[in-house]
Amino acid sequence: MALARAGAVAALFVSGVAVGADVAAGRAKALMCQACHGTDGLSKVPDAPNIAGQTESYLAAQLQAFRTGTRKNEAMNVVTSTLSDADVANLAAYFSAIEIKVVKIPGE
């Protein structure tokens, strides 16, 4: 079953871009992420990573790994277990679409 899900998610991607992913739907679904990652993808708690601007394929792969239990994190495994393949693609599209601007580089 997990392998079938992984294949289904992989099939949604062509050249690292989700086919038919809906950024607006991803933003709506991201409300469930806001306590830790914020709707802007910038971490609100020390143990959660910033996910804004990550590549779409990376985000989808990580969500899928949490969903199948391949990657372990108690909170993420619970949250992602409710996601459909479309939710994964939409969340990945949304968070990857957030633009990050580097304002300061230490030492420059």
N, C-alpha and C. Protein backbone atom coordinates (compact mmCIF):
# COMPACT_ATOMS: atom_id res chain seq x y z
N MET A 1 0.82 -1.20 0.00
CA MET A 1 0.00 0.00 0.00
C MET A 1 0.87 1.26 0.00
N ALA A 2 1.91 1.28 0.86
CA ALA A 2 2.78 2.44 0.93
C ALA A 2 3.49 2.66 -0.40
N LEU A 3 3.91 1.58 -1.03
CA LEU A 3 4.58 1.68 -2.32
C LEU A 3 3.63 2.23 -3.38
N ALA A 4 2.38 1.82 -3.33
CA ALA A 4 1.38 2.33 -4.28
C ALA A 4 1.17 3.83 -4.08
N ARG A 5 1.12 4.27 -2.82
CA ARG A 5 0.97 5.70 -2.55
C ARG A 5 2.16 6.48 -3.06
N ALA A 6 3.37 5.96 -2.81
CA ALA A 6 4.58 6.64 -3.27
C ALA A 6 4.56 6.77 -4.79
N GLY A 7 4.14 5.71 -5.47
CA GLY A 7 4.05 5.75 -6.92
C GLY A 7 3.02 6.75 -7.40
N ALA A 8 1.91 6.83 -6.70
CA ALA A 8 0.85 7.77 -7.08
C ALA A 8 1.33 9.21 -6.94
N VAL A 9 2.05 9.49 -5.86
CA VAL A 9 2.57 10.85 -5.67
C VAL A 9 3.64 11.13 -6.71
N ALA A 10 4.51 10.18 -6.97
CA ALA A 10 5.55 10.37 -7.98
C ALA A 10 4.93 10.61 -9.35
N ALA A 11 3.83 9.96 -9.63
CA ALA A 11 3.16 10.13 -10.92
C ALA A 11 2.58 11.52 -11.10
N LEU A 12 2.34 12.22 -10.00
CA LEU A 12 1.81 13.57 -10.08
C LEU A 12 2.86 14.58 -10.53
N PHE A 13 4.12 14.16 -10.54
CA PHE A 13 5.21 15.08 -10.83
C PHE A 13 5.83 14.81 -12.19
N VAL A 14 6.10 15.87 -12.91
CA VAL A 14 6.82 15.81 -14.17
C VAL A 14 7.92 16.86 -14.06
N SER A 15 9.18 16.44 -14.13
CA SER A 15 10.31 17.35 -14.01
C SER A 15 10.26 18.14 -12.70
N GLY A 16 9.85 17.51 -11.62
CA GLY A 16 9.86 18.16 -10.32
C GLY A 16 8.71 19.13 -10.08
N VAL A 17 7.79 19.24 -11.00
CA VAL A 17 6.66 20.16 -10.83
C VAL A 17 5.39 19.33 -10.77
N ALA A 18 4.58 19.60 -9.77
CA ALA A 18 3.34 18.84 -9.63
C ALA A 18 2.39 19.17 -10.77
N VAL A 19 1.85 18.15 -11.36
CA VAL A 19 0.88 18.32 -12.44
C VAL A 19 -0.48 18.53 -11.79
N GLY A 20 -1.09 19.66 -12.08
CA GLY A 20 -2.41 19.94 -11.55
C GLY A 20 -2.44 20.37 -10.10
N ALA A 21 -1.29 20.67 -9.50
CA ALA A 21 -1.27 21.13 -8.12
C ALA A 21 -1.92 22.50 -8.04
N ASP A 22 -2.61 22.74 -6.94
CA ASP A 22 -3.38 23.96 -6.74
C ASP A 22 -2.82 24.74 -5.56
N VAL A 23 -2.10 25.81 -5.86
CA VAL A 23 -1.47 26.63 -4.83
C VAL A 23 -2.50 27.19 -3.85
N ALA A 24 -3.65 27.64 -4.37
CA ALA A 24 -4.69 28.19 -3.50
C ALA A 24 -5.24 27.13 -2.55
N ALA A 25 -5.43 25.92 -3.05
CA ALA A 25 -5.88 24.82 -2.18
C ALA A 25 -4.81 24.48 -1.16
N GLY A 26 -3.55 24.57 -1.57
CA GLY A 26 -2.44 24.33 -0.65
C GLY A 26 -2.41 25.36 0.46
N ARG A 27 -2.68 26.61 0.11
CA ARG A 27 -2.72 27.67 1.13
C ARG A 27 -3.83 27.41 2.13
N ALA A 28 -4.99 27.00 1.65
CA ALA A 28 -6.11 26.69 2.55
C ALA A 28 -5.76 25.52 3.46
N LYS A 29 -5.12 24.49 2.91
CA LYS A 29 -4.75 23.31 3.69
C LYS A 29 -3.62 23.66 4.66
N ALA A 30 -2.81 24.65 4.34
CA ALA A 30 -1.67 25.04 5.18
C ALA A 30 -2.11 25.60 6.53
N LEU A 31 -3.38 25.91 6.68
CA LEU A 31 -3.86 26.38 7.99
C LEU A 31 -3.56 25.35 9.08
N MET A 32 -3.55 24.06 8.72
CA MET A 32 -3.24 23.03 9.69
C MET A 32 -1.75 23.00 10.03
N CYS A 33 -0.93 23.70 9.27
CA CYS A 33 0.52 23.72 9.46
C CYS A 33 0.98 24.94 10.27
N GLN A 34 0.08 25.92 10.41
CA GLN A 34 0.49 27.22 10.91
C GLN A 34 1.03 27.23 12.33
N ALA A 35 0.58 26.34 13.20
CA ALA A 35 1.06 26.36 14.58
C ALA A 35 2.57 26.13 14.65
N CYS A 36 3.09 25.29 13.80
CA CYS A 36 4.53 25.01 13.82
C CYS A 36 5.29 25.71 12.70
N HIS A 37 4.77 25.63 11.47
CA HIS A 37 5.48 26.16 10.31
C HIS A 37 4.97 27.52 9.86
N GLY A 38 3.84 27.96 10.40
CA GLY A 38 3.24 29.21 9.96
C GLY A 38 2.68 29.09 8.56
N THR A 39 1.72 29.91 8.21
CA THR A 39 1.20 29.87 6.84
C THR A 39 2.21 30.48 5.87
N ASP A 40 3.22 31.16 6.43
CA ASP A 40 4.28 31.71 5.59
C ASP A 40 5.46 30.75 5.44
N GLY A 41 5.37 29.56 6.07
CA GLY A 41 6.43 28.57 5.95
C GLY A 41 7.64 28.83 6.81
N LEU A 42 7.57 29.85 7.67
CA LEU A 42 8.68 30.19 8.55
C LEU A 42 8.37 29.68 9.94
N SER A 43 9.26 28.89 10.47
CA SER A 43 9.06 28.17 11.72
C SER A 43 8.60 29.06 12.87
N LYS A 44 7.64 28.55 13.60
CA LYS A 44 7.13 29.25 14.77
C LYS A 44 7.60 28.60 16.07
N VAL A 45 8.21 27.42 15.97
CA VAL A 45 8.72 26.69 17.13
C VAL A 45 10.13 26.19 16.81
N PRO A 46 10.96 26.05 17.84
CA PRO A 46 12.36 25.68 17.61
C PRO A 46 12.59 24.34 16.89
N ASP A 47 11.70 23.39 17.08
CA ASP A 47 11.91 22.06 16.50
C ASP A 47 11.35 21.89 15.09
N ALA A 48 10.69 22.91 14.57
CA ALA A 48 10.11 22.82 13.22
C ALA A 48 10.98 23.59 12.23
N PRO A 49 11.25 22.99 11.09
CA PRO A 49 12.08 23.69 10.09
C PRO A 49 11.29 24.73 9.31
N ASN A 50 12.02 25.69 8.75
CA ASN A 50 11.43 26.60 7.77
C ASN A 50 11.23 25.80 6.49
N ILE A 51 10.05 25.89 5.92
CA ILE A 51 9.78 25.13 4.69
C ILE A 51 9.45 26.03 3.50
N ALA A 52 9.32 27.31 3.73
CA ALA A 52 9.03 28.25 2.64
C ALA A 52 10.17 28.22 1.62
N GLY A 53 9.81 28.18 0.35
CA GLY A 53 10.80 28.26 -0.70
C GLY A 53 11.55 26.97 -0.98
N GLN A 54 11.28 25.91 -0.25
CA GLN A 54 11.90 24.62 -0.56
C GLN A 54 11.36 24.16 -1.92
N THR A 55 12.07 23.29 -2.59
CA THR A 55 11.58 22.82 -3.88
C THR A 55 10.33 21.97 -3.70
N GLU A 56 9.47 22.04 -4.67
CA GLU A 56 8.20 21.34 -4.63
C GLU A 56 8.40 19.83 -4.50
N SER A 57 9.34 19.28 -5.28
CA SER A 57 9.56 17.83 -5.23
C SER A 57 10.09 17.39 -3.87
N TYR A 58 10.95 18.19 -3.26
CA TYR A 58 11.47 17.87 -1.92
C TYR A 58 10.35 17.87 -0.89
N LEU A 59 9.53 18.91 -0.90
CA LEU A 59 8.43 19.00 0.06
C LEU A 59 7.46 17.83 -0.09
N ALA A 60 7.11 17.51 -1.32
CA ALA A 60 6.20 16.39 -1.56
C ALA A 60 6.81 15.08 -1.08
N ALA A 61 8.08 14.89 -1.34
CA ALA A 61 8.75 13.65 -0.91
C ALA A 61 8.76 13.54 0.61
N GLN A 62 9.02 14.65 1.30
CA GLN A 62 9.06 14.61 2.76
C GLN A 62 7.67 14.38 3.35
N LEU A 63 6.67 15.04 2.80
CA LEU A 63 5.29 14.81 3.27
C LEU A 63 4.90 13.35 3.05
N GLN A 64 5.26 12.81 1.90
CA GLN A 64 4.96 11.41 1.60
C GLN A 64 5.69 10.49 2.57
N ALA A 65 6.94 10.78 2.87
CA ALA A 65 7.72 9.95 3.80
C ALA A 65 7.11 9.96 5.20
N PHE A 66 6.65 11.12 5.65
CA PHE A 66 5.96 11.19 6.94
C PHE A 66 4.65 10.41 6.88
N ARG A 67 3.93 10.57 5.78
CA ARG A 67 2.62 9.94 5.63
C ARG A 67 2.71 8.42 5.67
N THR A 68 3.74 7.86 5.05
CA THR A 68 3.91 6.41 5.01
C THR A 68 4.62 5.87 6.25
N GLY A 69 5.22 6.77 7.05
CA GLY A 69 5.96 6.33 8.22
C GLY A 69 7.41 6.04 7.94
N THR A 70 7.85 6.26 6.69
CA THR A 70 9.26 6.08 6.34
C THR A 70 10.12 7.07 7.11
N ARG A 71 9.62 8.27 7.27
CA ARG A 71 10.27 9.30 8.09
C ARG A 71 9.44 9.46 9.35
N LYS A 72 10.10 9.47 10.49
CA LYS A 72 9.41 9.46 11.77
C LYS A 72 9.45 10.81 12.48
N ASN A 73 8.28 11.28 12.84
CA ASN A 73 8.10 12.43 13.71
C ASN A 73 6.66 12.33 14.19
N GLU A 74 6.48 12.22 15.49
CA GLU A 74 5.15 11.95 16.03
C GLU A 74 4.08 12.90 15.50
N ALA A 75 4.34 14.19 15.57
CA ALA A 75 3.35 15.18 15.12
C ALA A 75 3.12 15.08 13.61
N MET A 76 4.20 15.03 12.84
CA MET A 76 4.07 14.99 11.38
C MET A 76 3.43 13.69 10.90
N ASN A 77 3.74 12.57 11.54
CA ASN A 77 3.13 11.30 11.14
C ASN A 77 1.62 11.34 11.35
N VAL A 78 1.18 11.98 12.44
CA VAL A 78 -0.26 12.08 12.71
C VAL A 78 -0.92 13.03 11.71
N VAL A 79 -0.33 14.20 11.52
CA VAL A 79 -0.92 15.21 10.63
C VAL A 79 -0.97 14.72 9.19
N THR A 80 0.11 14.14 8.72
CA THR A 80 0.16 13.73 7.31
C THR A 80 -0.69 12.50 7.01
N SER A 81 -1.04 11.73 8.04
CA SER A 81 -1.85 10.54 7.80
C SER A 81 -3.23 10.89 7.26
N THR A 82 -3.65 12.13 7.43
CA THR A 82 -4.97 12.57 6.94
C THR A 82 -4.90 13.18 5.53
N LEU A 83 -3.70 13.32 4.98
CA LEU A 83 -3.54 13.97 3.68
C LEU A 83 -3.79 13.03 2.52
N SER A 84 -4.44 13.54 1.50
CA SER A 84 -4.60 12.80 0.25
C SER A 84 -3.39 13.11 -0.64
N ASP A 85 -3.26 12.39 -1.74
CA ASP A 85 -2.19 12.68 -2.70
C ASP A 85 -2.31 14.11 -3.22
N ALA A 86 -3.53 14.56 -3.46
CA ALA A 86 -3.75 15.93 -3.94
C ALA A 86 -3.34 16.94 -2.87
N ASP A 87 -3.63 16.66 -1.59
CA ASP A 87 -3.23 17.55 -0.51
C ASP A 87 -1.71 17.69 -0.47
N VAL A 88 -1.00 16.57 -0.61
CA VAL A 88 0.46 16.58 -0.61
C VAL A 88 0.97 17.47 -1.74
N ALA A 89 0.44 17.27 -2.94
CA ALA A 89 0.86 18.05 -4.09
C ALA A 89 0.53 19.53 -3.91
N ASN A 90 -0.65 19.83 -3.39
CA ASN A 90 -1.06 21.22 -3.20
C ASN A 90 -0.23 21.92 -2.13
N LEU A 91 0.03 21.24 -1.01
CA LEU A 91 0.87 21.83 0.04
C LEU A 91 2.28 22.08 -0.48
N ALA A 92 2.83 21.11 -1.20
CA ALA A 92 4.17 21.28 -1.76
C ALA A 92 4.20 22.45 -2.74
N ALA A 93 3.17 22.57 -3.57
CA ALA A 93 3.10 23.69 -4.51
C ALA A 93 3.02 25.02 -3.78
N TYR A 94 2.20 25.08 -2.74
CA TYR A 94 2.03 26.33 -1.99
C TYR A 94 3.32 26.76 -1.30
N PHE A 95 3.89 25.87 -0.48
CA PHE A 95 5.08 26.27 0.28
C PHE A 95 6.28 26.54 -0.64
N SER A 96 6.38 25.84 -1.77
CA SER A 96 7.49 26.10 -2.69
C SER A 96 7.31 27.41 -3.44
N ALA A 97 6.08 27.89 -3.54
CA ALA A 97 5.80 29.14 -4.26
C ALA A 97 6.10 30.39 -3.42
N ILE A 98 6.33 30.20 -2.13
CA ILE A 98 6.66 31.35 -1.27
C ILE A 98 8.08 31.78 -1.59
N GLU A 99 8.24 33.05 -1.91
CA GLU A 99 9.56 33.58 -2.26
C GLU A 99 10.29 34.05 -1.02
N ILE A 100 11.54 33.66 -0.92
CA ILE A 100 12.40 34.03 0.20
C ILE A 100 13.44 35.02 -0.31
N LYS A 101 13.64 36.08 0.41
CA LYS A 101 14.62 37.09 0.03
C LYS A 101 15.72 37.12 1.07
N VAL A 102 16.95 36.99 0.64
CA VAL A 102 18.10 37.07 1.53
C VAL A 102 18.39 38.55 1.76
N VAL A 103 18.33 38.97 3.02
CA VAL A 103 18.52 40.37 3.36
C VAL A 103 19.95 40.63 3.84
N LYS A 104 20.50 39.67 4.54
CA LYS A 104 21.83 39.86 5.09
C LYS A 104 22.57 38.53 5.09
N ILE A 105 23.82 38.57 4.65
CA ILE A 105 24.69 37.40 4.73
C ILE A 105 25.80 37.77 5.69
N PRO A 106 25.97 36.99 6.76
CA PRO A 106 27.01 37.29 7.75
C PRO A 106 28.38 37.44 7.10
N GLY A 107 29.12 38.43 7.51
CA GLY A 107 30.47 38.65 7.00
C GLY A 107 30.53 39.50 5.74
N GLU A 108 29.38 39.91 5.22
CA GLU A 108 29.40 40.75 4.02
C GLU A 108 28.98 42.16 4.35
